[in-house]
Amino acid sequence: MKEKLHHYTSRLVWTGNKGEGTVSYKAYDRDHVLSVNNKPEIPGSSDASFRGNPERYNPEELLVASLSSCHMLWYLHLCAVNGVVVVDYRDEASGVMEETADGGGFFREVVLKPVVAVTSEDMVEKARSLHHEANKFCFIANSIKFPVRHEPDIRVS
């Protein structure tokens, strides 16, 4: 099998210098802007628990969102090639991160709770089983060391 490499780039610009730089822990904002060529910018910060701006996305939220998005994209692909017609997909993903005594931390798990609408009752079981398959293919899920659980709700539309 031929190995295919895909390269991704992004740009981050810290916008939180309040004039003194990092002279002290409280002297600067955690605000920054993430961008990728020719795409809308993403306003970022740290979590509010770590002196971040609660109106901006934090890395932990973006990690959970990346897992949710990657899973959905693989899931829709697998449904399409397996004859499962999805007409609506929504996910309420959540993650649990544990902060360690030294100030570091790690994610314990992420739970995806997709609500999927299919067009026929005879597709429900296959639709449910394809969540497991999608997890096997998701590039992001394959790159982390914590579990990603799925609690799908499959409905007929």
N, C-alpha and C. Protein backbone atom coordinates (compact mmCIF):
# COMPACT_ATOMS: atom_id res chain seq x y z
N MET A 1 0.84 -1.18 0.00
CA MET A 1 0.00 0.00 0.00
C MET A 1 0.89 1.24 0.00
N LYS A 2 0.53 2.19 -0.82
CA LYS A 2 1.28 3.43 -0.93
C LYS A 2 0.97 4.35 0.26
N GLU A 3 2.01 4.87 0.86
CA GLU A 3 1.82 5.80 1.97
C GLU A 3 1.56 7.19 1.41
N LYS A 4 0.54 7.84 1.94
CA LYS A 4 0.21 9.20 1.52
C LYS A 4 0.42 10.13 2.70
N LEU A 5 1.18 11.17 2.49
CA LEU A 5 1.41 12.16 3.52
C LEU A 5 0.62 13.42 3.19
N HIS A 6 -0.03 13.98 4.18
CA HIS A 6 -0.79 15.21 4.03
C HIS A 6 -0.17 16.22 5.00
N HIS A 7 0.07 17.42 4.52
CA HIS A 7 0.69 18.45 5.35
C HIS A 7 -0.32 19.55 5.61
N TYR A 8 -0.33 20.05 6.84
CA TYR A 8 -1.25 21.11 7.24
C TYR A 8 -0.45 22.21 7.91
N THR A 9 -0.85 23.43 7.66
CA THR A 9 -0.20 24.56 8.30
C THR A 9 -1.26 25.48 8.89
N SER A 10 -0.87 26.18 9.92
CA SER A 10 -1.73 27.21 10.50
C SER A 10 -0.82 28.31 11.02
N ARG A 11 -1.43 29.43 11.31
CA ARG A 11 -0.70 30.58 11.82
C ARG A 11 -1.35 30.99 13.13
N LEU A 12 -0.53 31.33 14.10
CA LEU A 12 -1.02 31.83 15.38
C LEU A 12 -0.32 33.15 15.66
N VAL A 13 -1.11 34.16 16.01
CA VAL A 13 -0.56 35.46 16.39
C VAL A 13 -1.10 35.81 17.78
N TRP A 14 -0.20 35.97 18.74
CA TRP A 14 -0.59 36.37 20.09
C TRP A 14 -0.98 37.84 20.05
N THR A 15 -2.16 38.17 20.56
CA THR A 15 -2.65 39.55 20.56
C THR A 15 -2.84 40.07 21.99
N GLY A 16 -2.30 39.36 22.96
CA GLY A 16 -2.55 39.69 24.36
C GLY A 16 -1.50 40.51 25.07
N ASN A 17 -0.56 41.09 24.35
CA ASN A 17 0.44 41.93 25.00
C ASN A 17 -0.21 43.25 25.37
N LYS A 18 -0.30 43.52 26.67
CA LYS A 18 -0.93 44.76 27.16
C LYS A 18 0.09 45.87 27.36
N GLY A 19 1.27 45.72 26.77
CA GLY A 19 2.28 46.76 26.85
C GLY A 19 3.53 46.37 27.60
N GLU A 20 3.44 45.34 28.45
CA GLU A 20 4.59 44.92 29.24
C GLU A 20 5.03 43.49 28.92
N GLY A 21 4.38 42.88 27.96
CA GLY A 21 4.71 41.50 27.64
C GLY A 21 4.42 40.58 28.81
N THR A 22 5.28 39.63 29.02
CA THR A 22 5.09 38.64 30.09
C THR A 22 5.92 38.97 31.33
N VAL A 23 5.94 40.23 31.67
CA VAL A 23 6.70 40.65 32.86
C VAL A 23 6.19 39.95 34.12
N SER A 24 4.89 39.59 34.13
CA SER A 24 4.34 38.79 35.24
C SER A 24 3.17 37.97 34.69
N TYR A 25 2.74 37.00 35.48
CA TYR A 25 1.65 36.10 35.06
C TYR A 25 0.36 36.86 34.79
N LYS A 26 0.11 37.93 35.51
CA LYS A 26 -1.13 38.69 35.35
C LYS A 26 -0.99 39.88 34.40
N ALA A 27 0.18 40.08 33.82
CA ALA A 27 0.44 41.26 33.01
C ALA A 27 -0.02 41.14 31.56
N TYR A 28 -0.44 39.97 31.14
CA TYR A 28 -0.79 39.77 29.73
C TYR A 28 -2.09 39.01 29.58
N ASP A 29 -2.74 39.22 28.45
CA ASP A 29 -3.93 38.45 28.09
C ASP A 29 -3.51 37.21 27.31
N ARG A 30 -4.36 36.23 27.33
CA ARG A 30 -4.08 34.97 26.62
C ARG A 30 -4.65 34.98 25.20
N ASP A 31 -5.20 36.10 24.78
CA ASP A 31 -5.84 36.20 23.47
C ASP A 31 -4.84 35.99 22.32
N HIS A 32 -5.34 35.33 21.31
CA HIS A 32 -4.57 35.09 20.09
C HIS A 32 -5.53 34.85 18.93
N VAL A 33 -5.01 34.85 17.74
CA VAL A 33 -5.81 34.60 16.55
C VAL A 33 -5.18 33.45 15.79
N LEU A 34 -6.01 32.46 15.47
CA LEU A 34 -5.58 31.32 14.66
C LEU A 34 -6.06 31.55 13.23
N SER A 35 -5.22 31.24 12.28
CA SER A 35 -5.66 31.39 10.89
C SER A 35 -5.01 30.35 10.00
N VAL A 36 -5.67 30.10 8.91
CA VAL A 36 -5.20 29.24 7.84
C VAL A 36 -5.46 30.04 6.57
N ASN A 37 -4.55 29.98 5.62
CA ASN A 37 -4.68 30.78 4.41
C ASN A 37 -6.09 30.73 3.81
N ASN A 38 -6.61 31.90 3.52
CA ASN A 38 -7.89 32.08 2.81
C ASN A 38 -9.11 31.53 3.56
N LYS A 39 -9.02 31.45 4.87
CA LYS A 39 -10.15 30.99 5.68
C LYS A 39 -10.39 31.99 6.81
N PRO A 40 -11.61 32.01 7.37
CA PRO A 40 -11.90 32.94 8.47
C PRO A 40 -10.98 32.68 9.67
N GLU A 41 -10.63 33.74 10.34
CA GLU A 41 -9.81 33.63 11.55
C GLU A 41 -10.62 33.06 12.70
N ILE A 42 -9.93 32.43 13.64
CA ILE A 42 -10.56 31.88 14.84
C ILE A 42 -9.98 32.63 16.04
N PRO A 43 -10.84 33.35 16.78
CA PRO A 43 -10.34 34.04 17.97
C PRO A 43 -10.11 33.04 19.11
N GLY A 44 -8.88 32.98 19.59
CA GLY A 44 -8.55 32.02 20.63
C GLY A 44 -8.09 32.68 21.92
N SER A 45 -8.11 31.91 22.97
CA SER A 45 -7.61 32.31 24.28
C SER A 45 -7.42 31.03 25.08
N SER A 46 -7.04 31.16 26.32
CA SER A 46 -7.04 29.98 27.18
C SER A 46 -8.41 29.86 27.84
N ASP A 47 -8.67 28.75 28.47
CA ASP A 47 -9.89 28.56 29.22
C ASP A 47 -9.98 29.66 30.28
N ALA A 48 -11.19 30.09 30.58
CA ALA A 48 -11.38 31.13 31.59
C ALA A 48 -10.76 30.74 32.94
N SER A 49 -10.70 29.44 33.22
CA SER A 49 -10.08 28.97 34.46
C SER A 49 -8.60 29.31 34.54
N PHE A 50 -8.00 29.59 33.37
CA PHE A 50 -6.57 29.88 33.30
C PHE A 50 -6.33 31.31 32.80
N ARG A 51 -7.21 32.22 33.26
CA ARG A 51 -7.12 33.64 32.94
C ARG A 51 -7.42 33.96 31.48
N GLY A 52 -8.17 33.07 30.83
CA GLY A 52 -8.51 33.29 29.44
C GLY A 52 -9.79 34.07 29.25
N ASN A 53 -10.03 34.45 28.01
CA ASN A 53 -11.21 35.20 27.62
C ASN A 53 -12.35 34.22 27.31
N PRO A 54 -13.42 34.21 28.09
CA PRO A 54 -14.49 33.23 27.88
C PRO A 54 -15.27 33.44 26.57
N GLU A 55 -15.05 34.57 25.90
CA GLU A 55 -15.74 34.84 24.64
C GLU A 55 -14.97 34.30 23.43
N ARG A 56 -13.82 33.70 23.67
CA ARG A 56 -13.00 33.15 22.59
C ARG A 56 -12.88 31.63 22.76
N TYR A 57 -12.56 30.97 21.67
CA TYR A 57 -12.37 29.52 21.70
C TYR A 57 -11.07 29.19 22.42
N ASN A 58 -11.09 28.12 23.22
CA ASN A 58 -9.86 27.68 23.86
C ASN A 58 -9.41 26.35 23.24
N PRO A 59 -8.14 25.98 23.41
CA PRO A 59 -7.62 24.77 22.77
C PRO A 59 -8.39 23.50 23.16
N GLU A 60 -8.86 23.45 24.39
CA GLU A 60 -9.59 22.25 24.83
C GLU A 60 -10.92 22.11 24.09
N GLU A 61 -11.63 23.23 23.94
CA GLU A 61 -12.87 23.20 23.16
C GLU A 61 -12.61 22.81 21.72
N LEU A 62 -11.54 23.33 21.15
CA LEU A 62 -11.22 23.04 19.76
C LEU A 62 -10.84 21.57 19.57
N LEU A 63 -10.21 20.98 20.57
CA LEU A 63 -9.88 19.55 20.50
C LEU A 63 -11.16 18.72 20.48
N VAL A 64 -12.09 19.02 21.38
CA VAL A 64 -13.36 18.30 21.42
C VAL A 64 -14.11 18.51 20.10
N ALA A 65 -14.13 19.74 19.60
CA ALA A 65 -14.80 20.03 18.33
C ALA A 65 -14.14 19.29 17.17
N SER A 66 -12.82 19.19 17.17
CA SER A 66 -12.11 18.47 16.11
C SER A 66 -12.49 16.99 16.09
N LEU A 67 -12.58 16.39 17.27
CA LEU A 67 -12.99 14.98 17.34
C LEU A 67 -14.41 14.81 16.83
N SER A 68 -15.31 15.71 17.22
CA SER A 68 -16.70 15.64 16.78
C SER A 68 -16.80 15.78 15.26
N SER A 69 -16.08 16.75 14.71
CA SER A 69 -16.11 17.01 13.28
C SER A 69 -15.53 15.85 12.48
N CYS A 70 -14.38 15.36 12.90
CA CYS A 70 -13.73 14.24 12.21
C CYS A 70 -14.62 13.01 12.22
N HIS A 71 -15.22 12.72 13.37
CA HIS A 71 -16.10 11.56 13.48
C HIS A 71 -17.29 11.71 12.53
N MET A 72 -17.91 12.88 12.52
CA MET A 72 -19.07 13.09 11.66
C MET A 72 -18.71 12.90 10.19
N LEU A 73 -17.58 13.45 9.78
CA LEU A 73 -17.19 13.35 8.36
C LEU A 73 -16.96 11.90 7.94
N TRP A 74 -16.30 11.12 8.78
CA TRP A 74 -16.11 9.70 8.48
C TRP A 74 -17.45 8.95 8.53
N TYR A 75 -18.26 9.27 9.52
CA TYR A 75 -19.56 8.62 9.66
C TYR A 75 -20.43 8.85 8.42
N LEU A 76 -20.52 10.08 7.97
CA LEU A 76 -21.34 10.37 6.78
C LEU A 76 -20.80 9.64 5.55
N HIS A 77 -19.49 9.57 5.43
CA HIS A 77 -18.89 8.82 4.32
C HIS A 77 -19.30 7.35 4.38
N LEU A 78 -19.14 6.76 5.56
CA LEU A 78 -19.47 5.34 5.71
C LEU A 78 -20.96 5.08 5.49
N CYS A 79 -21.81 5.99 5.93
CA CYS A 79 -23.24 5.83 5.68
C CYS A 79 -23.51 5.88 4.18
N ALA A 80 -22.90 6.82 3.48
CA ALA A 80 -23.13 6.96 2.04
C ALA A 80 -22.73 5.70 1.27
N VAL A 81 -21.60 5.10 1.64
CA VAL A 81 -21.14 3.92 0.89
C VAL A 81 -21.80 2.63 1.38
N ASN A 82 -22.58 2.71 2.47
CA ASN A 82 -23.28 1.52 2.98
C ASN A 82 -24.79 1.62 2.85
N GLY A 83 -25.27 2.55 2.08
CA GLY A 83 -26.71 2.65 1.82
C GLY A 83 -27.55 3.20 2.96
N VAL A 84 -26.93 3.89 3.89
CA VAL A 84 -27.67 4.51 4.98
C VAL A 84 -27.85 5.98 4.64
N VAL A 85 -29.09 6.41 4.48
CA VAL A 85 -29.37 7.79 4.08
C VAL A 85 -29.59 8.64 5.33
N VAL A 86 -28.61 9.50 5.61
CA VAL A 86 -28.67 10.42 6.74
C VAL A 86 -29.21 11.75 6.23
N VAL A 87 -30.23 12.27 6.93
CA VAL A 87 -30.80 13.57 6.53
C VAL A 87 -30.58 14.65 7.58
N ASP A 88 -30.08 14.27 8.74
CA ASP A 88 -29.74 15.27 9.76
C ASP A 88 -28.73 14.65 10.71
N TYR A 89 -27.80 15.47 11.18
CA TYR A 89 -26.76 15.00 12.11
C TYR A 89 -26.42 16.17 13.02
N ARG A 90 -26.47 15.92 14.31
CA ARG A 90 -26.10 16.91 15.33
C ARG A 90 -25.35 16.19 16.43
N ASP A 91 -24.41 16.87 17.03
CA ASP A 91 -23.63 16.23 18.09
C ASP A 91 -23.44 17.20 19.24
N GLU A 92 -23.62 16.71 20.44
CA GLU A 92 -23.33 17.46 21.67
C GLU A 92 -22.15 16.77 22.33
N ALA A 93 -20.96 17.09 21.86
CA ALA A 93 -19.74 16.44 22.36
C ALA A 93 -19.28 17.09 23.65
N SER A 94 -18.65 16.30 24.50
CA SER A 94 -18.10 16.83 25.75
C SER A 94 -16.82 16.09 26.09
N GLY A 95 -15.93 16.79 26.76
CA GLY A 95 -14.67 16.19 27.16
C GLY A 95 -14.40 16.48 28.62
N VAL A 96 -13.64 15.59 29.24
CA VAL A 96 -13.23 15.78 30.63
C VAL A 96 -11.71 15.85 30.66
N MET A 97 -11.22 16.98 31.16
CA MET A 97 -9.79 17.17 31.31
C MET A 97 -9.47 17.22 32.79
N GLU A 98 -8.42 16.55 33.17
CA GLU A 98 -7.99 16.56 34.57
C GLU A 98 -6.72 17.40 34.69
N GLU A 99 -6.76 18.36 35.61
CA GLU A 99 -5.59 19.17 35.88
C GLU A 99 -4.77 18.47 36.95
N THR A 100 -3.47 18.39 36.74
CA THR A 100 -2.59 17.71 37.68
C THR A 100 -1.99 18.71 38.68
N ALA A 101 -1.45 18.20 39.75
CA ALA A 101 -0.93 19.04 40.83
C ALA A 101 0.18 19.99 40.36
N ASP A 102 0.92 19.60 39.33
CA ASP A 102 2.01 20.46 38.85
C ASP A 102 1.53 21.53 37.86
N GLY A 103 0.21 21.61 37.64
CA GLY A 103 -0.34 22.63 36.74
C GLY A 103 -0.57 22.12 35.33
N GLY A 104 -0.06 20.95 35.01
CA GLY A 104 -0.31 20.34 33.70
C GLY A 104 -1.67 19.67 33.71
N GLY A 105 -1.88 18.79 32.77
CA GLY A 105 -3.14 18.07 32.75
C GLY A 105 -3.26 17.18 31.54
N PHE A 106 -4.40 16.51 31.46
CA PHE A 106 -4.64 15.61 30.34
C PHE A 106 -6.14 15.37 30.22
N PHE A 107 -6.56 14.99 29.03
CA PHE A 107 -7.95 14.61 28.83
C PHE A 107 -8.14 13.18 29.29
N ARG A 108 -9.20 12.94 30.04
CA ARG A 108 -9.56 11.58 30.45
C ARG A 108 -10.37 10.88 29.37
N GLU A 109 -11.28 11.64 28.74
CA GLU A 109 -12.12 11.07 27.69
C GLU A 109 -12.88 12.18 26.99
N VAL A 110 -13.40 11.83 25.83
CA VAL A 110 -14.37 12.66 25.12
C VAL A 110 -15.55 11.77 24.81
N VAL A 111 -16.75 12.31 24.97
CA VAL A 111 -17.97 11.57 24.65
C VAL A 111 -18.70 12.32 23.54
N LEU A 112 -18.95 11.61 22.46
CA LEU A 112 -19.73 12.16 21.35
C LEU A 112 -21.16 11.65 21.50
N LYS A 113 -22.13 12.53 21.35
CA LYS A 113 -23.54 12.17 21.49
C LYS A 113 -24.31 12.58 20.24
N PRO A 114 -23.98 11.94 19.12
CA PRO A 114 -24.65 12.33 17.88
C PRO A 114 -26.12 11.89 17.84
N VAL A 115 -26.96 12.80 17.36
CA VAL A 115 -28.35 12.50 17.08
C VAL A 115 -28.45 12.49 15.56
N VAL A 116 -28.77 11.33 15.03
CA VAL A 116 -28.75 11.10 13.59
C VAL A 116 -30.14 10.74 13.10
N ALA A 117 -30.58 11.40 12.04
CA ALA A 117 -31.86 11.07 11.43
C ALA A 117 -31.60 10.36 10.11
N VAL A 118 -32.20 9.17 9.98
CA VAL A 118 -32.12 8.40 8.73
C VAL A 118 -33.52 8.31 8.13
N THR A 119 -33.60 7.87 6.88
CA THR A 119 -34.88 7.91 6.18
C THR A 119 -35.75 6.67 6.35
N SER A 120 -35.20 5.61 6.95
CA SER A 120 -35.97 4.37 7.02
C SER A 120 -35.61 3.56 8.26
N GLU A 121 -36.61 2.93 8.85
CA GLU A 121 -36.41 2.10 10.05
C GLU A 121 -35.39 0.99 9.80
N ASP A 122 -35.35 0.44 8.60
CA ASP A 122 -34.43 -0.67 8.32
C ASP A 122 -32.96 -0.22 8.25
N MET A 123 -32.70 1.07 8.37
CA MET A 123 -31.33 1.59 8.37
C MET A 123 -30.80 1.84 9.78
N VAL A 124 -31.65 1.76 10.78
CA VAL A 124 -31.29 2.18 12.13
C VAL A 124 -30.12 1.37 12.69
N GLU A 125 -30.16 0.06 12.64
CA GLU A 125 -29.08 -0.75 13.22
C GLU A 125 -27.76 -0.54 12.51
N LYS A 126 -27.80 -0.48 11.19
CA LYS A 126 -26.56 -0.23 10.43
C LYS A 126 -26.02 1.16 10.78
N ALA A 127 -26.92 2.13 10.88
CA ALA A 127 -26.52 3.50 11.23
C ALA A 127 -25.83 3.51 12.59
N ARG A 128 -26.36 2.76 13.53
CA ARG A 128 -25.76 2.69 14.87
C ARG A 128 -24.37 2.04 14.80
N SER A 129 -24.23 0.95 14.08
CA SER A 129 -22.95 0.23 14.03
C SER A 129 -21.86 1.01 13.31
N LEU A 130 -22.23 1.89 12.42
CA LEU A 130 -21.21 2.63 11.67
C LEU A 130 -20.48 3.67 12.53
N HIS A 131 -21.00 4.00 13.69
CA HIS A 131 -20.28 4.89 14.60
C HIS A 131 -18.97 4.24 15.05
N HIS A 132 -19.02 2.95 15.33
CA HIS A 132 -17.81 2.23 15.73
C HIS A 132 -16.79 2.24 14.59
N GLU A 133 -17.26 2.02 13.38
CA GLU A 133 -16.38 2.02 12.21
C GLU A 133 -15.77 3.40 11.99
N ALA A 134 -16.58 4.44 12.14
CA ALA A 134 -16.08 5.80 11.93
C ALA A 134 -14.95 6.12 12.90
N ASN A 135 -15.06 5.64 14.11
CA ASN A 135 -14.01 5.89 15.10
C ASN A 135 -12.68 5.26 14.69
N LYS A 136 -12.74 4.11 14.02
CA LYS A 136 -11.53 3.45 13.56
C LYS A 136 -10.79 4.27 12.51
N PHE A 137 -11.54 5.04 11.72
CA PHE A 137 -10.95 5.80 10.62
C PHE A 137 -10.59 7.24 10.97
N CYS A 138 -11.21 7.80 11.98
CA CYS A 138 -11.01 9.22 12.31
C CYS A 138 -9.54 9.49 12.61
N PHE A 139 -8.94 10.37 11.82
CA PHE A 139 -7.52 10.70 11.98
C PHE A 139 -7.23 11.28 13.36
N ILE A 140 -8.13 12.12 13.84
CA ILE A 140 -7.91 12.77 15.13
C ILE A 140 -8.01 11.74 16.25
N ALA A 141 -9.05 10.92 16.23
CA ALA A 141 -9.22 9.89 17.27
C ALA A 141 -8.04 8.91 17.29
N ASN A 142 -7.46 8.67 16.13
CA ASN A 142 -6.31 7.76 16.05
C ASN A 142 -5.01 8.41 16.51
N SER A 143 -5.05 9.69 16.80
CA SER A 143 -3.84 10.42 17.18
C SER A 143 -3.77 10.79 18.66
N ILE A 144 -4.76 10.38 19.41
CA ILE A 144 -4.82 10.74 20.82
C ILE A 144 -4.66 9.50 21.70
N LYS A 145 -4.41 9.73 22.98
CA LYS A 145 -4.20 8.59 23.87
C LYS A 145 -5.32 8.38 24.88
N PHE A 146 -6.42 9.11 24.74
CA PHE A 146 -7.55 8.93 25.64
C PHE A 146 -8.73 8.37 24.84
N PRO A 147 -9.69 7.72 25.52
CA PRO A 147 -10.81 7.12 24.80
C PRO A 147 -11.83 8.16 24.30
N VAL A 148 -12.40 7.84 23.16
CA VAL A 148 -13.52 8.61 22.61
C VAL A 148 -14.71 7.65 22.60
N ARG A 149 -15.71 7.97 23.42
CA ARG A 149 -16.90 7.12 23.49
C ARG A 149 -18.00 7.71 22.62
N HIS A 150 -18.93 6.85 22.21
CA HIS A 150 -20.04 7.28 21.36
C HIS A 150 -21.35 6.84 22.00
N GLU A 151 -22.27 7.76 22.07
CA GLU A 151 -23.61 7.47 22.59
C GLU A 151 -24.62 7.98 21.54
N PRO A 152 -24.72 7.26 20.42
CA PRO A 152 -25.59 7.74 19.34
C PRO A 152 -27.07 7.55 19.63
N ASP A 153 -27.85 8.46 19.09
CA ASP A 153 -29.31 8.38 19.12
C ASP A 153 -29.74 8.39 17.66
N ILE A 154 -30.23 7.27 17.18
CA ILE A 154 -30.61 7.14 15.77
C ILE A 154 -32.13 7.24 15.67
N ARG A 155 -32.60 8.13 14.82
CA ARG A 155 -34.04 8.35 14.65
C ARG A 155 -34.42 8.22 13.19
N VAL A 156 -35.67 7.94 12.95
CA VAL A 156 -36.20 7.89 11.59
C VAL A 156 -36.91 9.19 11.31
N SER A 157 -36.53 9.82 10.19
CA SER A 157 -37.11 11.12 9.85
C SER A 157 -38.19 10.94 8.80
